[in-house]
């Protein structure tokens, strides 16, 4: 028998008088379920939370309906709605100080809630129990809100929200002001109330780790639009929407050892009637500017939904059953891998295992004997992909032999454009040299390649590849010949450029630490037949010793 529905939302829409809009949202939360709503600041999370309990008053125009255990919140008389708050449903907001009466002590504030259900003789006992649950000392009861820290005020508000054990609770950033120990205590309290009393929770947060720990399902909200929803574990393990992937890549809590980069900002702010994520997306198409994508099942999975005109994050390059022999020796056999839009994938393995051979096959510089290569879903045509913008470019391991040493800097960087388009683009030359951290003076542009340092040559090779604006950049051991400082600088440069331009990158390396720092995913090439995806770099650390 299905659990009762705690929360039912039908076509809920909020409009702030021509400003921010929370686009139509329809969903349900079951009794005893914990659901997380996740998004950046300004995504509409708090607007949603307020609308669900009819707290927006005249601030905005609200349409649709919301039912909590079958009762339509929007049609309840104000007095009855107020009586039900804290008893049948409750909310705890992030801005703790604004929600407490500055003229009342903490004892008076919490007691006011408790009196809705408990007789006066039980109030003090219940107060002590609540304080213990939220990790507060009894001394706070006689203090006023202005005398408490932000974290303590947050605990007081949580205490008020859970005091009467309502069957549905909304928690808006419940742990944002708390120290580590207090967070543990609050998480334990939420889990206990959910497990023991079947209380349903809607956790509104920007903290993906909090969503991962607490929730069974997750809603990803951007620009007032629900862009992805599904089982939390599945969504965080393999996100379907580009925005979800960006949030995961930006989370320090989920990625404690990876260098963190935020989601890129749009180069220009433009009005769009289409997808709100259009300006920051790395795979947008013209349709995205004119049409709002609908929430639809993701890859025929009835439990996951996605709003994306491209059906989710596209696969830029896929290799299937790649086999390569040299003479009588089979070097690679039936290997499979994929690289998705805007992600960095590391290919790691010991020296001599075949990483460079595989990289050159994927880049189209070596043919495979058997197998297939697909670029954005179509059979890869390397006669075009190397010679058009938005294709594939390879940065070779040794920059000393990759570029004609008699060329000047300008000639080396502009050569691809000269060969393919029969013209030089000096504006692109200046832009790409600046972006890789090289001078743009006339003296430097006229300098022969042979006079450059190893680090300068490596950056020049990168500028030469990027001038073709590739959708996929393959970098083969780009840091292997650099000292520690130069390596760190080049890695940060690579990731910065990848983040701002939004291209995908295959980072080929024997350096496991560098791979863990820079990549979204890691493939380990163990031998000619074994290429496996690694979710935790610690799994393969022993392999390199």
Protein backbone atom coordinates (compact mmCIF):
# COMPACT_ATOMS: atom_id res chain seq x y z
CA UNK A 1 0.00 0.00 0.00
CA UNK A 2 1.41 3.39 -1.03
CA UNK A 3 2.27 5.87 1.71
CA UNK A 4 -0.11 8.84 2.11
CA UNK A 5 0.85 12.01 0.25
CA UNK A 6 2.26 14.60 2.64
CA UNK A 7 2.67 17.38 0.06
CA UNK A 8 0.91 17.72 -3.28
CA UNK A 9 1.83 20.62 -5.58
CA UNK A 10 -0.18 21.31 -8.73
CA UNK A 11 1.02 23.92 -11.26
CA UNK A 12 2.39 26.19 -8.54
CA UNK A 13 3.52 29.48 -10.08
CA UNK A 14 4.87 32.61 -8.39
CA UNK A 15 5.47 35.94 -10.11
CA UNK A 16 7.01 39.00 -8.45
CA UNK A 17 5.19 41.64 -10.52
CA UNK A 18 7.17 41.23 -13.68
CA UNK A 19 10.41 40.33 -11.90
CA UNK A 20 11.46 36.87 -10.76
CA UNK A 21 9.16 34.00 -11.73
CA UNK A 22 8.88 30.56 -10.19
CA UNK A 23 7.75 28.55 -13.19
CA UNK A 24 4.89 26.03 -12.93
CA UNK A 25 5.84 23.18 -10.62
CA UNK A 26 3.92 19.94 -10.05
CA UNK A 27 5.13 17.22 -7.71
CA UNK A 28 4.42 15.24 -4.54
CA UNK A 29 6.22 14.29 -1.33
CA UNK A 30 5.18 11.07 0.40
CA UNK A 31 4.63 10.71 4.14
CA UNK A 32 7.93 9.91 5.84
CA UNK A 33 10.00 11.05 2.84
CA UNK A 34 12.89 13.52 2.90
CA UNK A 35 13.22 15.57 -0.28
CA UNK A 36 15.92 18.17 -0.97
CA UNK A 37 15.51 21.30 -3.11
CA UNK A 38 18.94 22.43 -4.29
CA UNK A 39 20.15 25.45 -6.21
CA UNK A 40 22.34 28.53 -6.06
CA UNK A 41 21.29 31.74 -4.35
CA UNK A 42 18.51 33.35 -6.37
CA UNK A 43 17.27 30.10 -7.87
CA UNK A 44 13.88 30.38 -6.16
CA UNK A 45 14.30 27.95 -3.25
CA UNK A 46 13.04 30.27 -0.50
CA UNK A 47 10.25 31.59 -2.75
CA UNK A 48 9.10 27.99 -3.18
CA UNK A 49 9.29 27.32 0.57
CA UNK A 50 7.22 30.41 1.40
CA UNK A 51 4.67 29.71 -1.31
CA UNK A 52 4.10 26.16 -0.06
CA UNK A 53 2.87 27.45 3.31
CA UNK A 54 1.06 30.49 1.89
CA UNK A 55 3.48 32.98 3.42
CA UNK A 56 4.02 35.32 0.47
CA UNK A 57 0.95 37.44 1.25
CA UNK A 58 0.83 40.28 -1.31
CA UNK A 59 4.52 40.17 -2.21
CA UNK A 60 3.80 38.21 -5.37
CA UNK A 61 1.07 36.71 -7.53
CA UNK A 62 0.61 33.02 -6.73
CA UNK A 63 -1.41 30.51 -8.74
CA UNK A 64 -1.95 26.76 -8.66
CA UNK A 65 -2.66 24.87 -5.46
CA UNK A 66 -0.82 23.17 -2.63
CA UNK A 67 -2.22 20.42 -0.43
CA UNK A 68 -0.65 19.21 2.81
CA UNK A 69 -2.15 15.88 3.81
CA UNK A 70 -5.12 16.64 1.58
CA UNK A 71 -5.89 20.18 2.80
CA UNK A 72 -5.62 23.00 0.28
CA UNK A 73 -3.36 25.57 1.95
CA UNK A 74 -4.52 28.41 -0.29
CA UNK A 75 -8.19 28.07 0.62
CA UNK A 76 -7.80 27.79 4.42
CA UNK A 77 -9.07 30.83 6.36
CA UNK A 78 -6.15 32.87 7.80
CA UNK A 79 -7.02 32.03 11.43
CA UNK A 80 -7.25 28.30 10.73
CA UNK A 81 -4.01 28.43 8.72
CA UNK A 82 -2.24 30.07 11.67
CA UNK A 83 -3.60 27.44 14.07
CA UNK A 84 -2.28 24.63 11.92
CA UNK A 85 1.22 26.10 11.61
CA UNK A 86 3.69 24.46 13.99
CA UNK A 87 1.04 21.81 14.82
CA UNK A 88 0.45 20.11 11.45
CA UNK A 89 3.18 21.73 9.38
CA UNK A 90 6.09 24.07 10.09
CA UNK A 91 8.90 25.99 8.47
CA UNK A 92 12.33 27.07 9.68
CA UNK A 93 13.89 29.91 7.67
CA UNK A 94 17.56 30.69 7.18
CA UNK A 95 17.44 34.29 8.47
CA UNK A 96 16.98 33.33 12.11
CA UNK A 97 17.14 36.77 13.72
CA UNK A 98 14.37 38.24 11.54
CA UNK A 99 11.94 35.53 12.60
CA UNK A 100 12.18 35.94 16.37
CA UNK A 101 10.49 38.65 18.41
CA UNK A 102 13.34 40.85 19.76
CA UNK A 103 11.20 41.76 22.79
CA UNK A 104 10.72 38.17 24.01
CA UNK A 105 13.21 35.85 25.69
CA UNK A 106 14.01 32.51 24.09
CA UNK A 107 11.96 30.80 26.81
CA UNK A 108 8.93 32.90 25.87
CA UNK A 109 9.42 32.29 22.14
CA UNK A 110 9.58 28.49 22.34
CA UNK A 111 6.92 28.30 25.07
CA UNK A 112 4.54 30.20 22.81
CA UNK A 113 4.78 27.33 20.31
CA UNK A 114 4.55 24.58 22.94
CA UNK A 115 1.38 26.06 24.46
CA UNK A 116 -0.51 25.20 21.28
CA UNK A 117 -0.47 21.54 22.35
CA UNK A 118 0.95 21.06 25.85
CA UNK A 119 -0.50 22.14 29.24
CA UNK A 120 1.47 24.67 31.32
CA UNK A 121 2.73 21.95 33.71
CA UNK A 122 4.62 20.21 30.87
CA UNK A 123 6.15 23.25 29.19
CA UNK A 124 9.38 23.34 31.20
CA UNK A 125 10.04 19.62 30.68
CA UNK A 126 9.46 19.94 26.94
CA UNK A 127 11.73 23.00 26.84
CA UNK A 128 14.60 21.05 28.37
CA UNK A 129 14.08 18.16 25.97
CA UNK A 130 14.13 20.48 22.96
CA UNK A 131 17.28 22.25 24.10
CA UNK A 132 19.07 18.92 24.43
CA UNK A 133 17.93 17.85 20.98
CA UNK A 134 19.31 20.97 19.29
CA UNK A 135 22.44 21.16 21.46
CA UNK A 136 21.69 24.36 23.43
CA UNK A 137 22.45 25.12 27.07
CA UNK A 138 19.59 25.99 29.46
CA UNK A 139 21.18 29.41 30.03
CA UNK A 140 19.93 30.62 26.61
CA UNK A 141 16.29 30.51 27.79
CA UNK A 142 16.60 33.80 29.67
CA UNK A 143 18.42 35.59 26.84
CA UNK A 144 16.99 37.76 24.08
CA UNK A 145 17.65 37.05 20.36
CA UNK A 146 20.16 39.93 20.11
CA UNK A 147 22.30 38.21 22.78
CA UNK A 148 22.75 35.00 20.76
CA UNK A 149 25.04 34.12 17.86
CA UNK A 150 23.69 33.30 14.42
CA UNK A 151 24.28 29.60 14.98
CA UNK A 152 22.43 29.64 18.32
CA UNK A 153 19.50 31.51 16.75
CA UNK A 154 19.38 28.90 14.00
CA UNK A 155 19.06 26.18 16.64
CA UNK A 156 16.27 28.09 18.40
CA UNK A 157 14.31 28.29 15.13
CA UNK A 158 14.82 24.59 14.47
CA UNK A 159 13.60 23.89 18.02
CA UNK A 160 10.44 25.93 17.31
CA UNK A 161 9.87 24.08 14.02
CA UNK A 162 10.15 20.56 15.49
CA UNK A 163 8.65 21.35 18.93
CA UNK A 164 5.20 19.91 18.23
CA UNK A 165 6.37 17.23 15.80
CA UNK A 166 4.26 18.41 12.85
CA UNK A 167 3.93 15.79 10.12
CA UNK A 168 5.50 18.03 7.46
CA UNK A 169 8.44 20.40 8.02
CA UNK A 170 10.29 22.71 5.63
CA UNK A 171 13.85 23.49 6.66
CA UNK A 172 15.49 26.38 4.77
CA UNK A 173 19.31 26.02 4.97
CA UNK A 174 19.03 24.33 8.40
CA UNK A 175 22.78 24.00 8.99
CA UNK A 176 24.18 27.10 7.26
CA UNK A 177 25.24 28.89 10.48
CA UNK A 178 26.26 25.86 12.52
CA UNK A 179 29.63 24.42 13.49
CA UNK A 180 30.55 20.85 12.61
CA UNK A 181 29.43 19.29 15.91
CA UNK A 182 26.12 21.14 15.88
CA UNK A 183 25.49 20.02 12.31
CA UNK A 184 25.93 16.40 13.39
CA UNK A 185 23.40 16.91 16.18
CA UNK A 186 20.80 18.53 13.88
CA UNK A 187 21.22 15.86 11.21
CA UNK A 188 20.75 13.14 13.82
CA UNK A 189 17.59 14.92 15.05
CA UNK A 190 16.12 15.16 11.54
CA UNK A 191 16.84 11.49 10.86
CA UNK A 192 15.37 10.42 14.20
CA UNK A 193 12.15 12.42 13.73
CA UNK A 194 11.81 11.09 10.20
CA UNK A 195 12.42 7.47 11.17
CA UNK A 196 10.53 7.37 14.49
CA UNK A 197 7.59 9.76 13.86
CA UNK A 198 7.33 9.48 10.04
CA UNK A 199 7.75 13.24 9.69
CA UNK A 200 8.20 14.38 6.09
CA UNK A 201 10.90 16.99 5.43
CA UNK A 202 11.55 19.36 2.55
CA UNK A 203 15.19 20.43 2.91
CA UNK A 204 15.90 23.69 1.05
CA UNK A 205 19.65 24.10 0.63
CA UNK A 206 22.60 24.99 -1.59
CA UNK A 207 24.67 22.30 0.19
CA UNK A 208 24.79 19.15 -1.92
CA UNK A 209 26.48 17.16 0.85
CA UNK A 210 23.53 17.91 3.15
CA UNK A 211 21.14 16.73 0.42
CA UNK A 212 23.24 13.62 -0.09
CA UNK A 213 23.21 12.72 3.61
CA UNK A 214 19.53 13.38 4.30
CA UNK A 215 17.36 13.11 1.22
CA UNK A 216 15.94 10.25 -0.79
CA UNK A 217 14.96 12.46 -3.72
CA UNK A 218 16.39 15.72 -4.98
CA UNK A 219 14.97 18.66 -6.96
CA UNK A 220 17.45 20.86 -8.82
CA UNK A 221 16.14 24.42 -9.24
CA UNK A 222 17.65 27.10 -11.48
CA UNK A 223 16.22 30.51 -12.31
CA UNK A 224 12.84 29.50 -10.91
CA UNK A 225 12.72 26.42 -13.14
CA UNK A 226 12.89 22.79 -11.97
CA UNK A 227 15.57 21.37 -14.27
CA UNK A 228 16.20 17.90 -12.82
CA UNK A 229 14.72 15.55 -10.25
CA UNK A 230 15.26 11.95 -9.23
CA UNK A 231 16.72 9.71 -6.57
CA UNK A 232 19.45 11.72 -4.82
CA UNK A 233 22.10 9.01 -5.08
CA UNK A 234 21.51 8.53 -8.80
CA UNK A 235 21.42 12.22 -9.66
CA UNK A 236 24.62 12.97 -7.76
CA UNK A 237 26.41 9.91 -9.15
CA UNK A 238 25.61 10.74 -12.77
CA UNK A 239 23.88 14.10 -13.29
CA UNK A 240 21.73 14.52 -16.36
CA UNK A 241 21.50 18.32 -16.59
CA UNK A 242 24.52 20.57 -17.29
CA UNK A 243 23.55 22.75 -14.33
CA UNK A 244 23.46 19.77 -11.96
CA UNK A 245 26.92 18.74 -13.14
CA UNK A 246 28.13 22.30 -12.52
CA UNK A 247 26.75 22.28 -8.97
CA UNK A 248 28.44 18.96 -8.23
CA UNK A 249 31.75 20.17 -9.65
CA UNK A 250 31.48 23.32 -7.50
CA UNK A 251 30.86 21.49 -4.22
CA UNK A 252 33.86 21.47 -1.89
CA UNK A 253 32.03 19.13 0.49
CA UNK A 254 31.50 16.48 -2.19
CA UNK A 255 34.93 17.04 -3.77
CA UNK A 256 37.30 17.68 -0.84
CA UNK A 257 40.47 16.94 -2.84
CA UNK A 258 39.58 18.43 -6.21
CA UNK A 259 40.31 22.00 -7.25
CA UNK A 260 36.95 23.75 -7.21
CA UNK A 261 35.68 26.07 -9.93
CA UNK A 262 32.25 27.69 -9.97
CA UNK A 263 29.84 27.49 -12.87
CA UNK A 264 30.87 29.97 -15.54
CA UNK A 265 28.95 33.22 -15.79
CA UNK A 266 27.39 34.30 -19.11
CA UNK A 267 29.57 36.63 -21.18
CA UNK A 268 26.58 38.92 -21.71
CA UNK A 269 23.26 39.16 -19.87
CA UNK A 270 20.46 38.60 -22.38
CA UNK A 271 16.71 38.35 -22.04
CA UNK A 272 15.55 34.88 -22.99
CA UNK A 273 12.11 33.33 -23.19
CA UNK A 274 13.71 29.93 -23.26
CA UNK A 275 15.81 27.92 -20.84
CA UNK A 276 16.99 30.10 -17.93
CA UNK A 277 20.37 28.30 -17.94
CA UNK A 278 21.00 29.15 -21.59
CA UNK A 279 23.66 31.83 -21.04
CA UNK A 280 25.85 29.62 -18.83
CA UNK A 281 25.29 26.31 -20.63
CA UNK A 282 28.12 24.73 -22.61
CA UNK A 283 25.88 22.85 -25.05
CA UNK A 284 23.05 25.27 -25.79
CA UNK A 285 21.49 25.52 -29.24
CA UNK A 286 19.30 28.30 -30.77
CA UNK A 287 16.11 26.54 -29.63
CA UNK A 288 17.22 27.06 -26.00
CA UNK A 289 16.77 30.83 -26.34
CA UNK A 290 13.21 30.73 -27.61
CA UNK A 291 11.54 27.73 -25.98
CA UNK A 292 11.30 26.72 -22.30
CA UNK A 293 12.12 22.99 -22.02
CA UNK A 294 9.51 20.81 -20.31
CA UNK A 295 10.28 18.36 -17.52
CA UNK A 296 10.31 14.93 -19.16
CA UNK A 297 11.43 11.38 -18.23
CA UNK A 298 15.20 11.07 -18.49
CA UNK A 299 16.29 8.20 -20.75
CA UNK A 300 13.00 6.36 -20.31
CA UNK A 301 13.48 6.24 -16.52
CA UNK A 302 10.09 6.88 -14.90
CA UNK A 303 11.79 7.96 -11.65
CA UNK A 304 14.03 10.67 -13.13
CA UNK A 305 12.96 13.84 -14.92
CA UNK A 306 14.90 16.44 -16.83
CA UNK A 307 14.19 19.77 -18.54
CA UNK A 308 16.68 20.04 -21.42
CA UNK A 309 16.15 20.42 -25.16
CA UNK A 310 19.16 18.17 -25.78
CA UNK A 311 17.92 15.38 -23.55
CA UNK A 312 20.57 16.08 -20.92
CA UNK A 313 24.35 16.29 -21.01
CA UNK A 314 25.47 15.18 -24.46
CA UNK A 315 28.33 12.77 -25.08
CA UNK A 316 30.97 14.67 -27.04
CA UNK A 317 33.20 11.69 -27.82
CA UNK A 318 32.52 7.98 -27.45
CA UNK A 319 34.90 5.15 -28.29
CA UNK A 320 33.49 1.64 -28.65
CA UNK A 321 35.51 -1.59 -28.90
CA UNK A 322 38.73 0.24 -29.77
CA UNK A 323 41.44 -2.21 -30.87
CA UNK A 324 44.95 -1.39 -32.13
CA UNK A 325 47.84 -3.62 -33.17
CA UNK A 326 51.38 -2.84 -34.23
CA UNK A 327 52.70 -5.74 -36.27
CA UNK A 328 51.99 -8.90 -34.28
CA UNK A 329 51.47 -7.06 -30.99
CA UNK A 330 47.98 -6.06 -29.82
CA UNK A 331 48.38 -2.81 -27.90
CA UNK A 332 44.71 -2.03 -27.17
CA UNK A 333 41.78 -4.43 -27.33
CA UNK A 334 38.03 -3.71 -27.23
CA UNK A 335 38.22 -0.59 -25.05
CA UNK A 336 35.21 1.65 -24.38
CA UNK A 337 35.01 5.19 -22.96
CA UNK A 338 32.98 8.39 -23.23
CA UNK A 339 33.59 12.06 -22.61
CA UNK A 340 30.56 14.25 -21.91
CA UNK A 341 30.08 17.95 -22.57
CA UNK A 342 32.10 20.34 -20.37
CA UNK A 343 33.75 17.66 -18.27
CA UNK A 344 37.42 16.88 -17.69
CA UNK A 345 38.19 13.18 -17.97
CA UNK A 346 41.59 11.87 -16.90
CA UNK A 347 43.20 8.85 -18.54
CA UNK A 348 45.78 7.43 -16.14
CA UNK A 349 48.12 4.46 -16.21
CA UNK A 350 51.74 3.46 -15.96
CA UNK A 351 54.24 4.57 -18.60
CA UNK A 352 54.12 2.34 -21.66
CA UNK A 353 50.63 0.98 -21.02
CA UNK A 354 49.20 2.59 -24.18
CA UNK A 355 47.77 5.92 -23.01
CA UNK A 356 49.33 7.95 -25.82
CA UNK A 357 48.27 5.41 -28.44
CA UNK A 358 44.68 5.57 -27.20
CA UNK A 359 44.79 9.38 -27.04
CA UNK A 360 46.03 9.63 -30.63
CA UNK A 361 43.28 7.26 -31.81
CA UNK A 362 40.64 9.31 -30.00
CA UNK A 363 42.10 12.49 -31.52
CA UNK A 364 42.08 10.97 -35.02
CA UNK A 365 45.85 10.93 -35.50
CA UNK A 366 46.02 7.12 -35.51
CA UNK A 367 43.45 4.80 -37.07
CA UNK A 368 42.08 1.99 -34.93
CA UNK A 369 42.03 -1.50 -36.45
CA UNK A 370 38.52 -2.23 -35.22
CA UNK A 371 35.99 -0.23 -33.23
CA UNK A 372 33.98 2.95 -33.67
CA UNK A 373 34.39 6.58 -32.68
CA UNK A 374 31.44 8.95 -32.34
CA UNK A 375 31.52 12.73 -32.02
CA UNK A 376 28.33 14.31 -30.65
CA UNK A 377 26.43 11.16 -31.60
CA UNK A 378 27.68 10.86 -35.20
CA UNK A 379 30.51 8.80 -36.65
CA UNK A 380 33.66 10.87 -36.15
CA UNK A 381 34.92 12.40 -39.41
CA UNK A 382 38.43 13.53 -38.57
CA UNK A 383 38.99 15.08 -41.99
CA UNK A 384 36.54 17.74 -40.78
CA UNK A 385 36.99 17.65 -37.01
CA UNK A 386 40.63 18.76 -37.25
CA UNK A 387 39.87 21.42 -39.81
CA UNK A 388 36.78 23.13 -38.40
CA UNK A 389 36.11 25.16 -35.31
CA UNK A 390 34.18 23.25 -32.67
CA UNK A 391 36.05 20.03 -33.43
CA UNK A 392 38.92 18.13 -31.76
CA UNK A 393 42.45 19.36 -31.07
CA UNK A 394 45.39 17.49 -29.57
CA UNK A 395 48.20 19.00 -27.50
CA UNK A 396 51.18 16.66 -27.81
CA UNK A 397 53.35 15.56 -24.92
CA UNK A 398 56.56 17.10 -26.30
CA UNK A 399 56.10 20.74 -27.40
CA UNK A 400 59.71 20.85 -28.61
CA UNK A 401 58.98 18.51 -31.53
CA UNK A 402 55.32 19.43 -32.06
CA UNK A 403 55.99 22.90 -33.49
CA UNK A 404 58.39 23.93 -36.25
CA UNK A 405 61.32 25.54 -34.33
CA UNK A 406 62.00 28.01 -37.14
CA UNK A 407 58.50 29.50 -36.91
CA UNK A 408 57.93 32.73 -35.07
CA UNK A 409 55.39 32.75 -32.22
CA UNK A 410 52.80 34.42 -34.45
CA UNK A 411 53.37 31.97 -37.31
CA UNK A 412 53.04 28.95 -35.00
CA UNK A 413 49.77 30.03 -33.42
CA UNK A 414 48.21 31.27 -36.67
CA UNK A 415 49.29 28.28 -38.80
CA UNK A 416 46.03 26.28 -38.35
CA UNK A 417 43.95 29.28 -39.46
CA UNK A 418 46.28 30.00 -42.38
CA UNK A 419 46.12 26.39 -43.62
CA UNK A 420 42.37 25.90 -43.20
CA UNK A 421 40.85 29.34 -43.73
CA UNK A 422 43.67 30.93 -45.76
CA UNK A 423 43.73 33.98 -43.52
CA UNK A 424 45.28 35.23 -40.30
CA UNK A 425 43.13 36.37 -37.41
CA UNK A 426 45.36 38.68 -35.39
CA UNK A 427 42.60 39.46 -32.90
CA UNK A 428 42.29 35.73 -32.13
CA UNK A 429 46.09 35.53 -31.89
CA UNK A 430 46.20 38.27 -29.25
CA UNK A 431 43.26 36.82 -27.33
CA UNK A 432 44.63 33.28 -27.13
CA UNK A 433 48.15 34.33 -26.19
CA UNK A 434 46.74 36.48 -23.38
CA UNK A 435 44.54 33.64 -22.14
CA UNK A 436 47.46 31.22 -21.88
CA UNK A 437 49.56 33.85 -20.11
CA UNK A 438 52.01 34.74 -22.86
CA UNK A 439 53.10 38.26 -23.97
CA UNK A 440 51.52 39.90 -27.02
CA UNK A 441 54.24 42.42 -27.79
CA UNK A 442 55.65 42.66 -31.28
CA UNK A 443 59.04 41.47 -30.03
CA UNK A 444 57.52 38.28 -28.58
CA UNK A 445 55.34 37.61 -31.63
CA UNK A 446 58.44 37.76 -33.84
CA UNK A 447 60.55 35.55 -31.57
CA UNK A 448 61.58 32.15 -33.07
CA UNK A 449 60.12 29.11 -31.29
CA UNK A 450 63.62 27.74 -30.59
CA UNK A 451 64.27 30.70 -28.26
CA UNK A 452 61.32 29.92 -25.97
CA UNK A 453 61.56 28.06 -22.69
CA UNK A 454 59.90 24.66 -22.22
CA UNK A 455 57.04 26.20 -20.26
CA UNK A 456 56.47 28.88 -22.90
CA UNK A 457 56.42 26.25 -25.65
CA UNK A 458 53.81 24.24 -23.75
CA UNK A 459 51.61 27.32 -23.38
CA UNK A 460 52.13 28.17 -27.02
CA UNK A 461 51.02 24.67 -28.06
CA UNK A 462 47.90 25.22 -25.99
CA UNK A 463 47.20 28.61 -27.64
CA UNK A 464 47.69 27.01 -31.07
CA UNK A 465 45.07 24.33 -30.24
CA UNK A 466 42.60 26.76 -28.67
CA UNK A 467 42.63 29.14 -31.62
CA UNK A 468 40.49 26.49 -33.34
CA UNK A 469 37.90 26.77 -30.53
CA UNK A 470 37.66 22.99 -30.03
CA UNK A 471 34.68 21.27 -28.45
CA UNK A 472 37.15 18.63 -27.21
CA UNK A 473 40.78 19.22 -26.22
CA UNK A 474 43.02 16.19 -25.70
CA UNK A 475 46.12 17.02 -23.65
CA UNK A 476 48.75 14.25 -23.65
CA UNK A 477 51.00 14.47 -20.56
CA UNK A 478 51.07 18.29 -20.76
CA UNK A 479 52.91 18.66 -17.44
CA UNK A 480 55.38 15.77 -17.66
CA UNK A 481 58.35 17.99 -18.57
CA UNK A 482 57.62 20.82 -16.14
CA UNK A 483 58.91 21.63 -12.66
CA UNK A 484 56.45 21.66 -9.74
CA UNK A 485 55.64 25.37 -9.94
CA UNK A 486 55.23 25.37 -13.73
CA UNK A 487 53.09 22.22 -13.49
CA UNK A 488 50.78 23.84 -10.93
CA UNK A 489 50.46 26.97 -13.06
CA UNK A 490 49.70 25.01 -16.23
CA UNK A 491 47.10 22.81 -14.50
CA UNK A 492 45.29 25.86 -13.14
CA UNK A 493 45.50 27.49 -16.56
CA UNK A 494 44.05 24.42 -18.28
CA UNK A 495 41.19 24.15 -15.82
CA UNK A 496 40.50 27.90 -15.93
CA UNK A 497 40.30 27.89 -19.73
CA UNK A 498 38.15 24.75 -19.74
CA UNK A 499 35.82 26.29 -17.19
CA UNK A 500 35.44 29.65 -18.96
CA UNK A 501 35.20 28.32 -22.51
CA UNK A 502 33.20 25.22 -21.65
CA UNK A 503 35.06 22.69 -23.81
CA UNK A 504 35.53 19.06 -22.80
CA UNK A 505 39.02 17.78 -22.07
CA UNK A 506 40.76 14.42 -21.99
CA UNK A 507 43.75 14.81 -19.68
CA UNK A 508 46.25 12.01 -20.29
CA UNK A 509 48.70 11.52 -17.44
CA UNK A 510 50.59 9.08 -15.23
CA UNK A 511 50.22 11.58 -12.38
CA UNK A 512 47.37 10.34 -10.19
CA UNK A 513 47.45 13.41 -7.92
CA UNK A 514 47.10 15.77 -10.88
CA UNK A 515 44.26 13.62 -12.27
CA UNK A 516 42.38 13.74 -8.96
CA UNK A 517 42.84 17.51 -8.75
CA UNK A 518 41.64 18.46 -12.20
CA UNK A 519 39.20 15.81 -13.44
CA UNK A 520 35.51 15.03 -13.05
CA UNK A 521 36.08 11.37 -13.84
CA UNK A 522 39.08 9.05 -14.11
CA UNK A 523 39.71 6.11 -16.43
CA UNK A 524 42.47 3.69 -15.46
CA UNK A 525 44.20 1.89 -18.33
CA UNK A 526 45.69 -1.18 -16.65
CA UNK A 527 46.58 -3.22 -19.68
CA UNK A 528 45.53 -3.60 -23.31
CA UNK A 529 42.10 -5.02 -22.41
CA UNK A 530 41.27 -3.25 -19.17
CA UNK A 531 40.03 0.34 -19.15
CA UNK A 532 37.80 0.99 -16.18
CA UNK A 533 36.21 4.07 -14.68
CA UNK A 534 37.35 4.94 -11.16
CA UNK A 535 35.05 6.82 -8.79
CA UNK A 536 37.53 7.18 -5.92
CA UNK A 537 41.20 8.01 -6.70
CA UNK A 538 42.18 6.16 -3.50
CA UNK A 539 41.18 2.93 -5.28
CA UNK A 540 44.11 3.14 -7.66
CA UNK A 541 46.76 4.69 -5.42
CA UNK A 542 48.33 1.24 -4.70
CA UNK A 543 48.50 0.59 -8.44
CA UNK A 544 51.15 3.28 -8.79
CA UNK A 545 53.41 1.99 -6.01
